[in-house]
N, C-alpha and C. Protein backbone atom coordinates (compact mmCIF):
# COMPACT_ATOMS: atom_id res chain seq x y z
N MET A 1 223.72 -123.11 151.82
CA MET A 1 222.45 -123.29 151.13
C MET A 1 221.66 -124.43 151.77
N GLU A 2 220.35 -124.22 151.90
CA GLU A 2 219.48 -125.22 152.51
C GLU A 2 219.34 -126.45 151.63
N THR A 3 219.33 -127.60 152.24
CA THR A 3 219.08 -128.85 151.55
C THR A 3 217.63 -129.23 151.81
N LEU A 4 216.78 -129.01 150.83
CA LEU A 4 215.37 -129.32 151.01
C LEU A 4 215.07 -130.74 150.56
N GLN A 5 214.18 -131.38 151.28
CA GLN A 5 213.67 -132.69 150.91
C GLN A 5 212.16 -132.59 150.86
N GLN A 6 211.54 -133.59 150.29
CA GLN A 6 210.07 -133.64 150.30
C GLN A 6 209.62 -135.04 150.63
N ILE A 7 208.46 -135.09 151.26
CA ILE A 7 207.80 -136.35 151.62
C ILE A 7 206.30 -136.07 151.50
N ALA A 8 205.53 -137.04 151.08
CA ALA A 8 204.08 -136.85 151.02
C ALA A 8 203.44 -137.68 152.13
N LEU A 9 202.44 -137.10 152.77
CA LEU A 9 201.81 -137.72 153.94
C LEU A 9 200.29 -137.69 153.79
N GLY A 10 199.68 -138.82 154.05
CA GLY A 10 198.23 -138.91 154.01
C GLY A 10 197.72 -139.69 155.20
N GLY A 11 196.52 -139.36 155.63
CA GLY A 11 195.98 -140.10 156.76
C GLY A 11 194.61 -139.63 157.16
N GLY A 12 194.39 -138.38 157.09
CA GLY A 12 193.11 -137.80 157.47
C GLY A 12 192.79 -136.71 156.48
N CYS A 13 191.91 -135.85 156.87
CA CYS A 13 191.53 -134.72 156.05
C CYS A 13 192.77 -133.90 155.70
N HIS A 14 192.91 -133.53 154.44
CA HIS A 14 194.10 -132.77 154.06
C HIS A 14 194.09 -131.35 154.62
N TRP A 15 192.95 -130.84 155.04
CA TRP A 15 192.94 -129.54 155.72
C TRP A 15 193.68 -129.66 157.05
N CYS A 16 193.40 -130.75 157.77
CA CYS A 16 194.07 -130.98 159.06
C CYS A 16 195.56 -131.22 158.86
N THR A 17 195.89 -132.09 157.92
CA THR A 17 197.28 -132.43 157.68
C THR A 17 198.07 -131.21 157.24
N GLU A 18 197.48 -130.41 156.36
CA GLU A 18 198.12 -129.18 155.90
C GLU A 18 198.42 -128.26 157.08
N ALA A 19 197.44 -128.04 157.94
CA ALA A 19 197.62 -127.13 159.08
C ALA A 19 198.70 -127.61 160.03
N VAL A 20 198.73 -128.91 160.31
CA VAL A 20 199.74 -129.46 161.21
C VAL A 20 201.14 -129.16 160.67
N PHE A 21 201.38 -129.48 159.41
CA PHE A 21 202.73 -129.33 158.87
C PHE A 21 203.08 -127.89 158.54
N GLN A 22 202.09 -127.04 158.28
CA GLN A 22 202.35 -125.61 158.11
C GLN A 22 202.78 -124.97 159.43
N SER A 23 202.51 -125.63 160.53
CA SER A 23 202.78 -125.09 161.86
C SER A 23 204.15 -125.48 162.41
N LEU A 24 204.97 -126.12 161.59
CA LEU A 24 206.26 -126.60 162.04
C LEU A 24 207.42 -125.77 161.51
N SER A 25 208.41 -125.56 162.34
CA SER A 25 209.65 -124.92 161.90
C SER A 25 210.38 -125.89 160.98
N GLY A 26 211.03 -125.36 159.98
CA GLY A 26 211.78 -126.20 159.05
C GLY A 26 210.95 -126.69 157.88
N VAL A 27 209.63 -126.48 157.92
CA VAL A 27 208.77 -126.83 156.79
C VAL A 27 208.59 -125.54 155.99
N LEU A 28 209.07 -125.59 154.76
CA LEU A 28 209.04 -124.38 153.93
C LEU A 28 207.81 -124.28 153.05
N LYS A 29 207.21 -125.42 152.75
CA LYS A 29 206.04 -125.40 151.86
C LYS A 29 205.23 -126.67 152.10
N VAL A 30 203.90 -126.53 152.07
CA VAL A 30 203.00 -127.68 152.17
C VAL A 30 202.03 -127.58 151.00
N GLU A 31 202.03 -128.61 150.16
CA GLU A 31 201.11 -128.65 149.02
C GLU A 31 199.95 -129.57 149.39
N GLN A 32 198.74 -129.00 149.40
CA GLN A 32 197.55 -129.77 149.77
C GLN A 32 196.88 -130.32 148.52
N GLY A 33 196.46 -131.59 148.60
CA GLY A 33 195.75 -132.15 147.47
C GLY A 33 195.51 -133.63 147.62
N PHE A 34 195.74 -134.34 146.54
CA PHE A 34 195.47 -135.77 146.47
C PHE A 34 196.69 -136.48 145.88
N VAL A 35 197.09 -137.57 146.53
CA VAL A 35 198.26 -138.33 146.09
C VAL A 35 197.82 -139.74 145.72
N ALA A 36 198.44 -140.26 144.68
CA ALA A 36 198.24 -141.65 144.28
C ALA A 36 199.58 -142.36 144.30
N SER A 37 199.53 -143.64 144.56
CA SER A 37 200.73 -144.47 144.53
C SER A 37 200.62 -145.42 143.34
N THR A 38 201.06 -146.63 143.51
CA THR A 38 201.03 -147.62 142.44
C THR A 38 200.25 -148.85 142.89
N GLY A 39 200.01 -149.77 141.99
CA GLY A 39 199.35 -151.03 142.33
C GLY A 39 197.97 -150.82 142.93
N ASN A 40 197.71 -151.50 144.07
CA ASN A 40 196.41 -151.40 144.73
C ASN A 40 196.13 -150.02 145.31
N ASN A 41 197.15 -149.17 145.39
CA ASN A 41 197.00 -147.82 145.96
C ASN A 41 197.11 -146.74 144.89
N ASN A 42 196.66 -147.07 143.66
CA ASN A 42 196.80 -146.12 142.56
C ASN A 42 195.66 -145.11 142.46
N THR A 43 194.70 -145.17 143.38
CA THR A 43 193.63 -144.16 143.41
C THR A 43 194.10 -142.98 144.26
N PHE A 44 193.53 -141.82 143.98
CA PHE A 44 193.92 -140.62 144.72
C PHE A 44 193.29 -140.61 146.10
N SER A 45 194.07 -140.17 147.08
CA SER A 45 193.67 -140.08 148.47
C SER A 45 194.13 -138.73 149.01
N GLU A 46 193.39 -138.15 149.95
CA GLU A 46 193.77 -136.85 150.48
C GLU A 46 195.14 -136.93 151.15
N ALA A 47 195.99 -135.95 150.83
CA ALA A 47 197.36 -135.95 151.35
C ALA A 47 198.00 -134.58 151.13
N VAL A 48 199.20 -134.44 151.64
CA VAL A 48 200.00 -133.23 151.42
C VAL A 48 201.42 -133.63 151.04
N ILE A 49 202.07 -132.74 150.30
CA ILE A 49 203.51 -132.89 150.06
C ILE A 49 204.19 -131.85 150.94
N VAL A 50 205.09 -132.32 151.78
CA VAL A 50 205.79 -131.45 152.73
C VAL A 50 207.22 -131.24 152.23
N HIS A 51 207.59 -129.99 152.03
CA HIS A 51 208.95 -129.62 151.64
C HIS A 51 209.63 -129.12 152.92
N PHE A 52 210.72 -129.78 153.31
CA PHE A 52 211.30 -129.49 154.62
C PHE A 52 212.83 -129.48 154.58
N ASN A 53 213.38 -128.81 155.58
CA ASN A 53 214.83 -128.76 155.77
C ASN A 53 215.16 -129.78 156.86
N PRO A 54 215.80 -130.90 156.52
CA PRO A 54 216.07 -131.95 157.51
C PRO A 54 217.07 -131.53 158.59
N GLU A 55 217.76 -130.42 158.38
CA GLU A 55 218.67 -129.92 159.42
C GLU A 55 217.89 -129.23 160.53
N ILE A 56 216.68 -128.79 160.23
CA ILE A 56 215.83 -128.13 161.24
C ILE A 56 214.82 -129.11 161.80
N ILE A 57 214.20 -129.89 160.93
CA ILE A 57 213.23 -130.91 161.36
C ILE A 57 213.52 -132.20 160.58
N PRO A 58 214.04 -133.21 161.26
CA PRO A 58 214.38 -134.45 160.57
C PRO A 58 213.15 -135.25 160.15
N LEU A 59 213.35 -136.11 159.15
CA LEU A 59 212.28 -136.98 158.66
C LEU A 59 211.66 -137.78 159.81
N LYS A 60 212.47 -138.26 160.72
CA LYS A 60 211.98 -139.04 161.85
C LYS A 60 210.94 -138.25 162.65
N SER A 61 211.19 -136.97 162.88
CA SER A 61 210.24 -136.14 163.63
C SER A 61 208.97 -135.88 162.83
N LEU A 62 209.10 -135.66 161.53
CA LEU A 62 207.91 -135.47 160.69
C LEU A 62 207.01 -136.70 160.73
N ILE A 63 207.63 -137.87 160.64
CA ILE A 63 206.84 -139.11 160.67
C ILE A 63 206.21 -139.31 162.04
N GLU A 64 206.94 -139.04 163.10
CA GLU A 64 206.37 -139.18 164.44
C GLU A 64 205.15 -138.26 164.60
N ILE A 65 205.28 -137.03 164.17
CA ILE A 65 204.17 -136.07 164.25
C ILE A 65 203.00 -136.58 163.40
N HIS A 66 203.29 -137.06 162.22
CA HIS A 66 202.24 -137.58 161.35
C HIS A 66 201.48 -138.74 162.02
N LEU A 67 202.21 -139.66 162.61
CA LEU A 67 201.57 -140.82 163.25
C LEU A 67 200.67 -140.41 164.41
N HIS A 68 201.02 -139.32 165.10
CA HIS A 68 200.24 -138.87 166.26
C HIS A 68 199.12 -137.89 165.91
N THR A 69 199.05 -137.43 164.66
CA THR A 69 198.04 -136.42 164.32
C THR A 69 196.97 -136.93 163.35
N HIS A 70 196.93 -138.24 163.16
CA HIS A 70 195.80 -138.84 162.44
C HIS A 70 195.60 -140.24 163.02
N LYS A 71 194.53 -140.90 162.61
CA LYS A 71 194.21 -142.22 163.16
C LYS A 71 195.08 -143.28 162.47
N SER A 72 196.33 -143.35 162.89
CA SER A 72 197.32 -144.21 162.24
C SER A 72 197.22 -145.68 162.64
N THR A 73 196.29 -145.99 163.54
CA THR A 73 196.08 -147.39 163.94
C THR A 73 194.67 -147.86 163.61
N SER A 74 193.89 -147.03 162.95
CA SER A 74 192.47 -147.33 162.71
C SER A 74 192.22 -147.65 161.24
N SER A 75 191.68 -148.83 160.99
CA SER A 75 191.35 -149.24 159.63
C SER A 75 189.86 -148.98 159.38
N HIS A 76 189.48 -147.70 159.43
CA HIS A 76 188.07 -147.33 159.29
C HIS A 76 187.61 -147.39 157.82
N SER A 77 186.32 -147.20 157.63
CA SER A 77 185.70 -147.36 156.31
C SER A 77 186.09 -146.29 155.30
N MET A 78 186.70 -145.20 155.74
CA MET A 78 187.07 -144.11 154.83
C MET A 78 188.53 -144.19 154.38
N ARG A 79 189.17 -145.33 154.52
CA ARG A 79 190.60 -145.45 154.20
C ARG A 79 190.92 -145.25 152.73
N ASN A 80 189.96 -145.39 151.82
CA ASN A 80 190.25 -145.07 150.42
C ASN A 80 190.45 -143.57 150.24
N LYS A 81 189.60 -142.81 150.90
CA LYS A 81 189.71 -141.35 150.82
C LYS A 81 190.83 -140.83 151.71
N TYR A 82 191.03 -141.46 152.85
CA TYR A 82 192.04 -141.03 153.83
C TYR A 82 193.04 -142.17 154.09
N ARG A 83 193.80 -142.51 153.07
CA ARG A 83 194.80 -143.59 153.20
C ARG A 83 195.88 -143.16 154.20
N SER A 84 196.18 -144.02 155.17
CA SER A 84 197.24 -143.74 156.14
C SER A 84 198.56 -144.15 155.49
N ALA A 85 199.29 -143.14 155.01
CA ALA A 85 200.47 -143.46 154.21
C ALA A 85 201.56 -142.40 154.30
N ILE A 86 202.76 -142.88 154.04
CA ILE A 86 203.92 -142.03 153.80
C ILE A 86 204.34 -142.35 152.37
N TYR A 87 204.26 -141.35 151.51
CA TYR A 87 204.60 -141.53 150.10
C TYR A 87 206.04 -141.05 149.91
N VAL A 88 206.89 -141.96 149.46
CA VAL A 88 208.32 -141.67 149.38
C VAL A 88 208.76 -141.39 147.96
N PHE A 89 209.86 -140.64 147.86
CA PHE A 89 210.39 -140.22 146.57
C PHE A 89 211.69 -140.93 146.21
N SER A 90 212.17 -141.83 147.08
CA SER A 90 213.41 -142.55 146.79
C SER A 90 213.44 -143.85 147.59
N GLU A 91 214.30 -144.75 147.17
CA GLU A 91 214.49 -146.01 147.89
C GLU A 91 215.05 -145.75 149.28
N GLU A 92 215.93 -144.77 149.38
CA GLU A 92 216.52 -144.40 150.67
C GLU A 92 215.43 -143.92 151.64
N GLN A 93 214.54 -143.08 151.16
CA GLN A 93 213.42 -142.59 151.99
C GLN A 93 212.51 -143.75 152.38
N LYS A 94 212.29 -144.68 151.48
CA LYS A 94 211.44 -145.83 151.75
C LYS A 94 211.99 -146.65 152.91
N GLU A 95 213.27 -147.00 152.84
CA GLU A 95 213.88 -147.81 153.89
C GLU A 95 213.90 -147.07 155.23
N ALA A 96 214.26 -145.79 155.19
CA ALA A 96 214.29 -144.98 156.42
C ALA A 96 212.90 -144.89 157.04
N SER A 97 211.89 -144.65 156.23
CA SER A 97 210.51 -144.50 156.72
C SER A 97 210.00 -145.79 157.36
N LYS A 98 210.29 -146.92 156.77
CA LYS A 98 209.87 -148.20 157.33
C LYS A 98 210.51 -148.43 158.71
N LEU A 99 211.80 -148.13 158.82
CA LEU A 99 212.49 -148.28 160.11
C LEU A 99 211.94 -147.32 161.16
N ILE A 100 211.64 -146.10 160.74
CA ILE A 100 211.11 -145.09 161.66
C ILE A 100 209.74 -145.54 162.20
N ILE A 101 208.87 -146.01 161.33
CA ILE A 101 207.54 -146.47 161.78
C ILE A 101 207.71 -147.63 162.76
N LYS A 102 208.55 -148.57 162.42
CA LYS A 102 208.79 -149.72 163.30
C LYS A 102 209.27 -149.25 164.67
N GLY A 103 210.14 -148.25 164.69
CA GLY A 103 210.66 -147.72 165.95
C GLY A 103 209.62 -147.02 166.81
N PHE A 104 208.59 -146.47 166.18
CA PHE A 104 207.55 -145.77 166.93
C PHE A 104 206.38 -146.66 167.34
N GLN A 105 206.35 -147.90 166.88
CA GLN A 105 205.22 -148.80 167.20
C GLN A 105 204.99 -148.88 168.71
N SER A 106 206.04 -148.87 169.50
CA SER A 106 205.90 -149.02 170.96
C SER A 106 205.14 -147.85 171.60
N GLN A 107 205.00 -146.72 170.91
CA GLN A 107 204.25 -145.58 171.43
C GLN A 107 202.73 -145.75 171.27
N PHE A 108 202.33 -146.81 170.57
CA PHE A 108 200.91 -147.00 170.26
C PHE A 108 200.43 -148.33 170.81
N GLU A 109 199.22 -148.31 171.38
CA GLU A 109 198.62 -149.52 171.92
C GLU A 109 198.28 -150.51 170.81
N ASN A 110 197.73 -150.01 169.70
CA ASN A 110 197.33 -150.86 168.58
C ASN A 110 198.37 -150.81 167.47
N GLN A 111 198.28 -151.76 166.56
CA GLN A 111 199.21 -151.86 165.45
C GLN A 111 199.09 -150.65 164.52
N LEU A 112 200.21 -150.03 164.15
CA LEU A 112 200.20 -148.96 163.16
C LEU A 112 199.87 -149.56 161.80
N ILE A 113 198.96 -148.90 161.08
CA ILE A 113 198.58 -149.38 159.75
C ILE A 113 199.17 -148.51 158.65
N THR A 114 199.90 -147.48 159.02
CA THR A 114 200.48 -146.55 158.06
C THR A 114 201.43 -147.29 157.12
N GLU A 115 201.16 -147.16 155.83
CA GLU A 115 201.97 -147.83 154.82
C GLU A 115 203.01 -146.88 154.25
N VAL A 116 204.13 -147.42 153.83
CA VAL A 116 205.15 -146.67 153.11
C VAL A 116 204.99 -147.05 151.65
N LEU A 117 204.64 -146.07 150.82
CA LEU A 117 204.30 -146.32 149.41
C LEU A 117 205.10 -145.40 148.49
N PRO A 118 205.35 -145.86 147.27
CA PRO A 118 206.02 -144.97 146.32
C PRO A 118 205.07 -143.85 145.88
N PHE A 119 205.60 -142.65 145.80
CA PHE A 119 204.83 -141.52 145.29
C PHE A 119 204.70 -141.69 143.78
N ALA A 120 203.48 -141.58 143.25
CA ALA A 120 203.28 -141.72 141.80
C ALA A 120 202.78 -140.42 141.17
N SER A 121 201.74 -139.80 141.77
CA SER A 121 201.21 -138.57 141.18
C SER A 121 200.47 -137.73 142.22
N PHE A 122 200.27 -136.47 141.85
CA PHE A 122 199.67 -135.49 142.76
C PHE A 122 198.70 -134.62 141.97
N LYS A 123 197.55 -134.34 142.57
CA LYS A 123 196.60 -133.35 142.05
C LYS A 123 196.36 -132.34 143.17
N ALA A 124 196.63 -131.09 142.90
CA ALA A 124 196.44 -130.04 143.91
C ALA A 124 194.95 -129.81 144.16
N SER A 125 194.63 -129.43 145.38
CA SER A 125 193.27 -129.02 145.71
C SER A 125 192.95 -127.72 144.99
N ARG A 126 191.68 -127.44 144.86
CA ARG A 126 191.30 -126.18 144.22
C ARG A 126 191.75 -125.00 145.10
N ALA A 127 192.04 -123.90 144.47
CA ALA A 127 192.63 -122.74 145.14
C ALA A 127 191.82 -122.26 146.34
N GLN A 128 190.49 -122.37 146.30
CA GLN A 128 189.63 -121.85 147.36
C GLN A 128 189.85 -122.55 148.70
N ILE A 129 190.39 -123.78 148.70
CA ILE A 129 190.55 -124.48 149.98
C ILE A 129 192.02 -124.65 150.38
N LEU A 130 192.93 -124.08 149.62
CA LEU A 130 194.34 -124.14 150.01
C LEU A 130 194.56 -123.24 151.22
N ASN A 131 195.52 -123.60 152.07
CA ASN A 131 195.80 -122.83 153.28
C ASN A 131 194.52 -122.67 154.10
N TYR A 132 193.74 -123.73 154.16
CA TYR A 132 192.39 -123.66 154.72
C TYR A 132 192.38 -123.16 156.16
N TYR A 133 193.16 -123.78 157.02
CA TYR A 133 193.13 -123.41 158.43
C TYR A 133 193.59 -121.97 158.65
N TYR A 134 194.73 -121.61 158.10
CA TYR A 134 195.26 -120.28 158.38
C TYR A 134 194.48 -119.17 157.67
N SER A 135 193.59 -119.54 156.74
CA SER A 135 192.68 -118.56 156.14
C SER A 135 191.36 -118.50 156.89
N ASN A 136 191.02 -119.55 157.66
CA ASN A 136 189.70 -119.66 158.30
C ASN A 136 189.77 -120.23 159.72
N PRO A 137 190.67 -119.79 160.59
CA PRO A 137 190.82 -120.47 161.89
C PRO A 137 189.58 -120.44 162.76
N GLU A 138 188.66 -119.53 162.50
CA GLU A 138 187.45 -119.42 163.33
C GLU A 138 186.32 -120.31 162.85
N LYS A 139 186.48 -120.95 161.70
CA LYS A 139 185.41 -121.83 161.19
C LYS A 139 185.21 -123.00 162.14
N PRO A 140 183.97 -123.46 162.30
CA PRO A 140 183.68 -124.57 163.22
C PRO A 140 184.54 -125.80 162.95
N PHE A 141 184.77 -126.16 161.68
CA PHE A 141 185.59 -127.32 161.38
C PHE A 141 187.00 -127.15 161.97
N CYS A 142 187.56 -125.97 161.80
CA CYS A 142 188.91 -125.71 162.30
C CYS A 142 188.96 -125.77 163.82
N GLU A 143 187.98 -125.16 164.46
CA GLU A 143 187.95 -125.16 165.93
C GLU A 143 187.72 -126.56 166.48
N THR A 144 186.90 -127.36 165.80
CA THR A 144 186.56 -128.69 166.29
C THR A 144 187.65 -129.72 166.00
N PHE A 145 188.20 -129.71 164.80
CA PHE A 145 189.10 -130.79 164.39
C PHE A 145 190.58 -130.41 164.33
N ILE A 146 190.87 -129.18 163.93
CA ILE A 146 192.28 -128.80 163.74
C ILE A 146 192.89 -128.24 165.02
N ASN A 147 192.18 -127.38 165.74
CA ASN A 147 192.76 -126.81 166.97
C ASN A 147 193.24 -127.86 167.97
N PRO A 148 192.50 -128.94 168.20
CA PRO A 148 193.02 -129.96 169.13
C PRO A 148 194.35 -130.56 168.66
N LYS A 149 194.52 -130.73 167.37
CA LYS A 149 195.78 -131.26 166.84
C LYS A 149 196.91 -130.26 167.05
N LEU A 150 196.62 -128.99 166.87
CA LEU A 150 197.64 -127.96 167.05
C LEU A 150 198.00 -127.79 168.53
N LYS A 151 197.01 -127.94 169.40
CA LYS A 151 197.29 -127.90 170.85
C LYS A 151 198.19 -129.06 171.24
N MET A 152 197.93 -130.24 170.68
CA MET A 152 198.77 -131.40 170.95
C MET A 152 200.18 -131.17 170.42
N LEU A 153 200.29 -130.55 169.26
CA LEU A 153 201.62 -130.21 168.71
C LEU A 153 202.39 -129.35 169.70
N LEU A 154 201.73 -128.35 170.22
CA LEU A 154 202.38 -127.44 171.18
C LEU A 154 202.81 -128.16 172.45
N SER A 155 202.02 -129.10 172.92
CA SER A 155 202.38 -129.77 174.17
C SER A 155 203.38 -130.91 173.97
N LYS A 156 203.26 -131.66 172.88
CA LYS A 156 204.11 -132.84 172.70
C LYS A 156 205.32 -132.60 171.80
N PHE A 157 205.21 -131.67 170.86
CA PHE A 157 206.28 -131.44 169.88
C PHE A 157 206.69 -129.97 169.81
N SER A 158 206.64 -129.26 170.93
CA SER A 158 206.86 -127.82 170.92
C SER A 158 208.21 -127.41 170.33
N LYS A 159 209.23 -128.25 170.47
CA LYS A 159 210.55 -127.84 169.95
C LYS A 159 210.55 -127.75 168.43
N TYR A 160 209.57 -128.34 167.76
CA TYR A 160 209.50 -128.26 166.30
C TYR A 160 208.43 -127.29 165.80
N THR A 161 207.68 -126.70 166.71
CA THR A 161 206.59 -125.82 166.26
C THR A 161 207.09 -124.43 165.94
N ASN A 162 206.39 -123.81 165.02
CA ASN A 162 206.61 -122.41 164.69
C ASN A 162 205.75 -121.61 165.68
N GLN A 163 206.39 -121.15 166.73
CA GLN A 163 205.66 -120.48 167.82
C GLN A 163 204.86 -119.27 167.33
N GLU A 164 205.39 -118.56 166.37
CA GLU A 164 204.70 -117.38 165.85
C GLU A 164 203.39 -117.77 165.18
N ARG A 165 203.41 -118.84 164.41
CA ARG A 165 202.18 -119.30 163.73
C ARG A 165 201.14 -119.80 164.71
N LEU A 166 201.58 -120.31 165.85
CA LEU A 166 200.66 -120.93 166.80
C LEU A 166 200.35 -120.04 168.01
N LYS A 167 200.75 -118.80 167.99
CA LYS A 167 200.51 -117.95 169.16
C LYS A 167 199.03 -117.78 169.49
N HIS A 168 198.17 -117.84 168.49
CA HIS A 168 196.72 -117.72 168.74
C HIS A 168 196.20 -118.94 169.51
N ILE A 169 196.83 -120.08 169.38
CA ILE A 169 196.42 -121.29 170.10
C ILE A 169 196.78 -121.16 171.57
N LYS A 170 197.98 -120.67 171.86
CA LYS A 170 198.45 -120.55 173.23
C LYS A 170 197.57 -119.59 174.04
N ASN A 171 197.04 -118.58 173.35
CA ASN A 171 196.30 -117.54 174.05
C ASN A 171 194.85 -117.90 174.32
N GLU A 172 194.43 -119.09 173.91
CA GLU A 172 193.03 -119.47 174.13
C GLU A 172 192.76 -119.78 175.58
């Protein structure tokens, strides 16, 4: 029987984040919406909850992909709406995530700003925008913002990609 885990990830537009994680092997479900944490981060920010099989895609790889597919070193003015975060569901996940981020810092020229925060609550996006990319891959937003991320996935993280889902990208 599969051992599923979940982690919530925020950083950029949840349409982009949803498409990236829907394109990975070992990810069984991606819930798109808004996540809130606690304390100063108790407001909702665009994010996804990723349900994954760690035997197929480990947490370390999910976090590495997350750090490379959004502006994880940029403290831009939209950080309330697009908080760069890993929302954890346990103390064990919290400690592991902090160590993983620290280990990947050397891959980035600037300081990673991605925070590890406790998951507090989730509000799903409205039904019309769920599965946005795979329902609308020809839309200008998808071609401009999501396709480059998926192309990078194929070149840098191909061993974790769902080749069948991304075959339209390869053929471009």
